[in-house]
Amino acid sequence: MKYECEACGYVYDPAVGDPDNGVDPGTEFADLPEDWTCPTCGLGKDQFKPAE
């Protein structure tokens, strides 16, 4: 499942991960480090919601 940042619209896709910030492809949203932040706007995981 993909998750979208409510503030900026960035979509985290587990199939892609966030390699620029050390998150390998295949990493589920729930398995992201607690200190991971949106690579676009810098807000925390609590600002994300499941994407449609």
PDB file of N, CA and C in Angstrom:
ATOM      1  N   MET A   1       0.843  -1.188   0.000  1.00  0.00           N
ATOM      2  CA  MET A   1       0.000   0.000   0.000  1.00  0.00           C
ATOM      3  C   MET A   1       0.886   1.250   0.000  1.00  0.00           C
ATOM      4  N   LYS A   2       0.483   2.234  -0.771  1.00  0.00           N
ATOM      5  CA  LYS A   2       1.198   3.510  -0.830  1.00  0.00           C
ATOM      6  C   LYS A   2       0.624   4.458   0.222  1.00  0.00           C
ATOM      7  N   TYR A   3       1.445   5.394   0.665  1.00  0.00           N
ATOM      8  CA  TYR A   3       1.027   6.398   1.644  1.00  0.00           C
ATOM      9  C   TYR A   3       1.366   7.783   1.118  1.00  0.00           C
ATOM     10  N   GLU A   4       0.441   8.723   1.344  1.00  0.00           N
ATOM     11  CA  GLU A   4       0.590  10.084   0.829  1.00  0.00           C
ATOM     12  C   GLU A   4       0.757  11.074   1.969  1.00  0.00           C
ATOM     13  N   CYS A   5       1.706  12.002   1.806  1.00  0.00           N
ATOM     14  CA  CYS A   5       1.897  13.081   2.772  1.00  0.00           C
ATOM     15  C   CYS A   5       0.738  14.064   2.613  1.00  0.00           C
ATOM     16  N   GLU A   6       0.019  14.297   3.702  1.00  0.00           N
ATOM     17  CA  GLU A   6      -1.137  15.198   3.635  1.00  0.00           C
ATOM     18  C   GLU A   6      -0.731  16.642   3.392  1.00  0.00           C
ATOM     19  N   ALA A   7       0.501  16.993   3.725  1.00  0.00           N
ATOM     20  CA  ALA A   7       0.929  18.379   3.576  1.00  0.00           C
ATOM     21  C   ALA A   7       1.343  18.710   2.144  1.00  0.00           C
ATOM     22  N   CYS A   8       2.132  17.816   1.502  1.00  0.00           N
ATOM     23  CA  CYS A   8       2.688  18.180   0.199  1.00  0.00           C
ATOM     24  C   CYS A   8       2.285  17.257  -0.938  1.00  0.00           C
ATOM     25  N   GLY A   9       1.693  16.104  -0.629  1.00  0.00           N
ATOM     26  CA  GLY A   9       1.262  15.203  -1.675  1.00  0.00           C
ATOM     27  C   GLY A   9       2.289  14.163  -2.098  1.00  0.00           C
ATOM     28  N   TYR A  10       3.481  14.159  -1.474  1.00  0.00           N
ATOM     29  CA  TYR A  10       4.467  13.130  -1.782  1.00  0.00           C
ATOM     30  C   TYR A  10       3.870  11.759  -1.483  1.00  0.00           C
ATOM     31  N   VAL A  11       4.087  10.798  -2.375  1.00  0.00           N
ATOM     32  CA  VAL A  11       3.570   9.440  -2.185  1.00  0.00           C
ATOM     33  C   VAL A  11       4.740   8.496  -1.942  1.00  0.00           C
ATOM     34  N   TYR A  12       4.709   7.831  -0.771  1.00  0.00           N
ATOM     35  CA  TYR A  12       5.696   6.796  -0.478  1.00  0.00           C
ATOM     36  C   TYR A  12       5.203   5.486  -1.073  1.00  0.00           C
ATOM     37  N   ASP A  13       6.021   4.910  -1.959  1.00  0.00           N
ATOM     38  CA  ASP A  13       5.697   3.642  -2.606  1.00  0.00           C
ATOM     39  C   ASP A  13       6.688   2.592  -2.096  1.00  0.00           C
ATOM     40  N   PRO A  14       6.207   1.585  -1.365  1.00  0.00           N
ATOM     41  CA  PRO A  14       7.121   0.567  -0.832  1.00  0.00           C
ATOM     42  C   PRO A  14       7.944  -0.137  -1.914  1.00  0.00           C
ATOM     43  N   ALA A  15       7.408  -0.250  -3.112  1.00  0.00           N
ATOM     44  CA  ALA A  15       8.144  -0.911  -4.193  1.00  0.00           C
ATOM     45  C   ALA A  15       9.386  -0.119  -4.587  1.00  0.00           C
ATOM     46  N   VAL A  16       9.349   1.198  -4.368  1.00  0.00           N
ATOM     47  CA  VAL A  16      10.458   2.080  -4.732  1.00  0.00           C
ATOM     48  C   VAL A  16      11.326   2.385  -3.524  1.00  0.00           C
ATOM     49  N   GLY A  17      10.707   2.487  -2.339  1.00  0.00           N
ATOM     50  CA  GLY A  17      11.443   2.893  -1.137  1.00  0.00           C
ATOM     51  C   GLY A  17      11.809   4.364  -1.209  1.00  0.00           C
ATOM     52  N   ASP A  18      12.883   4.714  -0.516  1.00  0.00           N
ATOM     53  CA  ASP A  18      13.401   6.088  -0.535  1.00  0.00           C
ATOM     54  C   ASP A  18      14.925   5.979  -0.514  1.00  0.00           C
ATOM     55  N   PRO A  19      15.498   5.467  -1.635  1.00  0.00           N
ATOM     56  CA  PRO A  19      16.931   5.183  -1.640  1.00  0.00           C
ATOM     57  C   PRO A  19      17.816   6.391  -1.347  1.00  0.00           C
ATOM     58  N   ASP A  20      17.361   7.592  -1.683  1.00  0.00           N
ATOM     59  CA  ASP A  20      18.157   8.790  -1.402  1.00  0.00           C
ATOM     60  C   ASP A  20      18.332   9.006   0.099  1.00  0.00           C
ATOM     61  N   ASN A  21      17.434   8.411   0.897  1.00  0.00           N
ATOM     62  CA  ASN A  21      17.495   8.558   2.352  1.00  0.00           C
ATOM     63  C   ASN A  21      17.720   7.219   3.057  1.00  0.00           C
ATOM     64  N   GLY A  22      18.306   6.267   2.343  1.00  0.00           N
ATOM     65  CA  GLY A  22      18.709   5.010   2.951  1.00  0.00           C
ATOM     66  C   GLY A  22      17.614   3.989   3.162  1.00  0.00           C
ATOM     67  N   VAL A  23      16.472   4.140   2.464  1.00  0.00           N
ATOM     68  CA  VAL A  23      15.370   3.183   2.600  1.00  0.00           C
ATOM     69  C   VAL A  23      15.329   2.332   1.331  1.00  0.00           C
ATOM     70  N   ASP A  24      15.587   1.039   1.506  1.00  0.00           N
ATOM     71  CA  ASP A  24      15.648   0.135   0.366  1.00  0.00           C
ATOM     72  C   ASP A  24      14.270  -0.126  -0.235  1.00  0.00           C
ATOM     73  N   PRO A  25      14.217  -0.386  -1.559  1.00  0.00           N
ATOM     74  CA  PRO A  25      12.970  -0.830  -2.171  1.00  0.00           C
ATOM     75  C   PRO A  25      12.461  -2.080  -1.457  1.00  0.00           C
ATOM     76  N   GLY A  26      11.149  -2.167  -1.316  1.00  0.00           N
ATOM     77  CA  GLY A  26      10.549  -3.291  -0.624  1.00  0.00           C
ATOM     78  C   GLY A  26      10.281  -3.029   0.845  1.00  0.00           C
ATOM     79  N   THR A  27      10.632  -1.824   1.337  1.00  0.00           N
ATOM     80  CA  THR A  27      10.413  -1.473   2.742  1.00  0.00           C
ATOM     81  C   THR A  27       8.987  -0.952   2.918  1.00  0.00           C
ATOM     82  N   GLU A  28       8.190  -1.674   3.690  1.00  0.00           N
ATOM     83  CA  GLU A  28       6.820  -1.242   3.955  1.00  0.00           C
ATOM     84  C   GLU A  28       6.818   0.039   4.786  1.00  0.00           C
ATOM     85  N   PHE A  29       5.754   0.819   4.657  1.00  0.00           N
ATOM     86  CA  PHE A  29       5.648   2.083   5.400  1.00  0.00           C
ATOM     87  C   PHE A  29       5.800   1.853   6.904  1.00  0.00           C
ATOM     88  N   ALA A  30       5.159   0.808   7.414  1.00  0.00           N
ATOM     89  CA  ALA A  30       5.205   0.521   8.855  1.00  0.00           C
ATOM     90  C   ALA A  30       6.622   0.195   9.327  1.00  0.00           C
ATOM     91  N   ASP A  31       7.493  -0.231   8.391  1.00  0.00           N
ATOM     92  CA  ASP A  31       8.857  -0.614   8.742  1.00  0.00           C
ATOM     93  C   ASP A  31       9.860   0.523   8.574  1.00  0.00           C
ATOM     94  N   LEU A  32       9.389   1.693   8.156  1.00  0.00           N
ATOM     95  CA  LEU A  32      10.289   2.844   8.041  1.00  0.00           C
ATOM     96  C   LEU A  32      10.795   3.229   9.426  1.00  0.00           C
ATOM     97  N   PRO A  33      12.031   3.727   9.520  1.00  0.00           N
ATOM     98  CA  PRO A  33      12.529   4.179  10.819  1.00  0.00           C
ATOM     99  C   PRO A  33      11.620   5.261  11.403  1.00  0.00           C
ATOM    100  N   GLU A  34      11.495   5.289  12.719  1.00  0.00           N
ATOM    101  CA  GLU A  34      10.616   6.275  13.371  1.00  0.00           C
ATOM    102  C   GLU A  34      11.027   7.708  13.048  1.00  0.00           C
ATOM    103  N   ASP A  35      12.316   7.924  12.775  1.00  0.00           N
ATOM    104  CA  ASP A  35      12.779   9.292  12.501  1.00  0.00           C
ATOM    105  C   ASP A  35      12.766   9.631  11.007  1.00  0.00           C
ATOM    106  N   TRP A  36      12.214   8.723  10.182  1.00  0.00           N
ATOM    107  CA  TRP A  36      12.102   9.019   8.752  1.00  0.00           C
ATOM    108  C   TRP A  36      11.141  10.179   8.551  1.00  0.00           C
ATOM    109  N   THR A  37      11.482  11.065   7.625  1.00  0.00           N
ATOM    110  CA  THR A  37      10.610  12.203   7.321  1.00  0.00           C
ATOM    111  C   THR A  37      10.358  12.266   5.823  1.00  0.00           C
ATOM    112  N   CYS A  38       9.315  12.959   5.455  1.00  0.00           N
ATOM    113  CA  CYS A  38       8.973  13.153   4.054  1.00  0.00           C
ATOM    114  C   CYS A  38      10.163  13.793   3.334  1.00  0.00           C
ATOM    115  N   PRO A  39      10.641  13.171   2.241  1.00  0.00           N
ATOM    116  CA  PRO A  39      11.792  13.745   1.546  1.00  0.00           C
ATOM    117  C   PRO A  39      11.486  15.060   0.836  1.00  0.00           C
ATOM    118  N   THR A  40      10.209  15.385   0.659  1.00  0.00           N
ATOM    119  CA  THR A  40       9.847  16.629  -0.013  1.00  0.00           C
ATOM    120  C   THR A  40       9.691  17.783   0.967  1.00  0.00           C
ATOM    121  N   CYS A  41       8.927  17.560   2.057  1.00  0.00           N
ATOM    122  CA  CYS A  41       8.635  18.684   2.958  1.00  0.00           C
ATOM    123  C   CYS A  41       9.199  18.515   4.371  1.00  0.00           C
ATOM    124  N   GLY A  42       9.692  17.324   4.714  1.00  0.00           N
ATOM    125  CA  GLY A  42      10.346  17.131   5.991  1.00  0.00           C
ATOM    126  C   GLY A  42       9.438  16.799   7.164  1.00  0.00           C
ATOM    127  N   LEU A  43       8.140  16.621   6.929  1.00  0.00           N
ATOM    128  CA  LEU A  43       7.254  16.267   8.032  1.00  0.00           C
ATOM    129  C   LEU A  43       7.363  14.783   8.346  1.00  0.00           C
ATOM    130  N   GLY A  44       6.909  14.408   9.535  1.00  0.00           N
ATOM    131  CA  GLY A  44       7.053  13.041  10.005  1.00  0.00           C
ATOM    132  C   GLY A  44       6.008  12.084   9.460  1.00  0.00           C
ATOM    133  N   LYS A  45       6.198  10.802   9.831  1.00  0.00           N
ATOM    134  CA  LYS A  45       5.300   9.731   9.364  1.00  0.00           C
ATOM    135  C   LYS A  45       3.852   9.958   9.774  1.00  0.00           C
ATOM    136  N   ASP A  46       3.655  10.704  10.868  1.00  0.00           N
ATOM    137  CA  ASP A  46       2.284  10.929  11.347  1.00  0.00           C
ATOM    138  C   ASP A  46       1.477  11.826  10.419  1.00  0.00           C
ATOM    139  N   GLN A  47       2.120  12.429   9.432  1.00  0.00           N
ATOM    140  CA  GLN A  47       1.425  13.291   8.480  1.00  0.00           C
ATOM    141  C   GLN A  47       1.018  12.539   7.217  1.00  0.00           C
ATOM    142  N   PHE A  48       1.233  11.225   7.194  1.00  0.00           N
ATOM    143  CA  PHE A  48       0.903  10.416   6.024  1.00  0.00           C
ATOM    144  C   PHE A  48      -0.395   9.662   6.241  1.00  0.00           C
ATOM    145  N   LYS A  49      -1.107   9.457   5.130  1.00  0.00           N
ATOM    146  CA  LYS A  49      -2.330   8.666   5.164  1.00  0.00           C
ATOM    147  C   LYS A  49      -2.281   7.675   4.015  1.00  0.00           C
ATOM    148  N   PRO A  50      -3.011   6.544   4.114  1.00  0.00           N
ATOM    149  CA  PRO A  50      -3.034   5.610   2.992  1.00  0.00           C
ATOM    150  C   PRO A  50      -3.508   6.300   1.721  1.00  0.00           C
ATOM    151  N   ALA A  51      -2.816   6.045   0.630  1.00  0.00           N
ATOM    152  CA  ALA A  51      -3.183   6.639  -0.659  1.00  0.00           C
ATOM    153  C   ALA A  51      -4.244   5.779  -1.330  1.00  0.00           C
ATOM    154  N   GLU A  52      -5.109   6.417  -2.067  1.00  0.00           N
ATOM    155  CA  GLU A  52      -6.166   5.691  -2.792  1.00  0.00           C
ATOM    156  C   GLU A  52      -5.578   4.887  -3.932  1.00  0.00           C
TER     157      GLU A  52
END
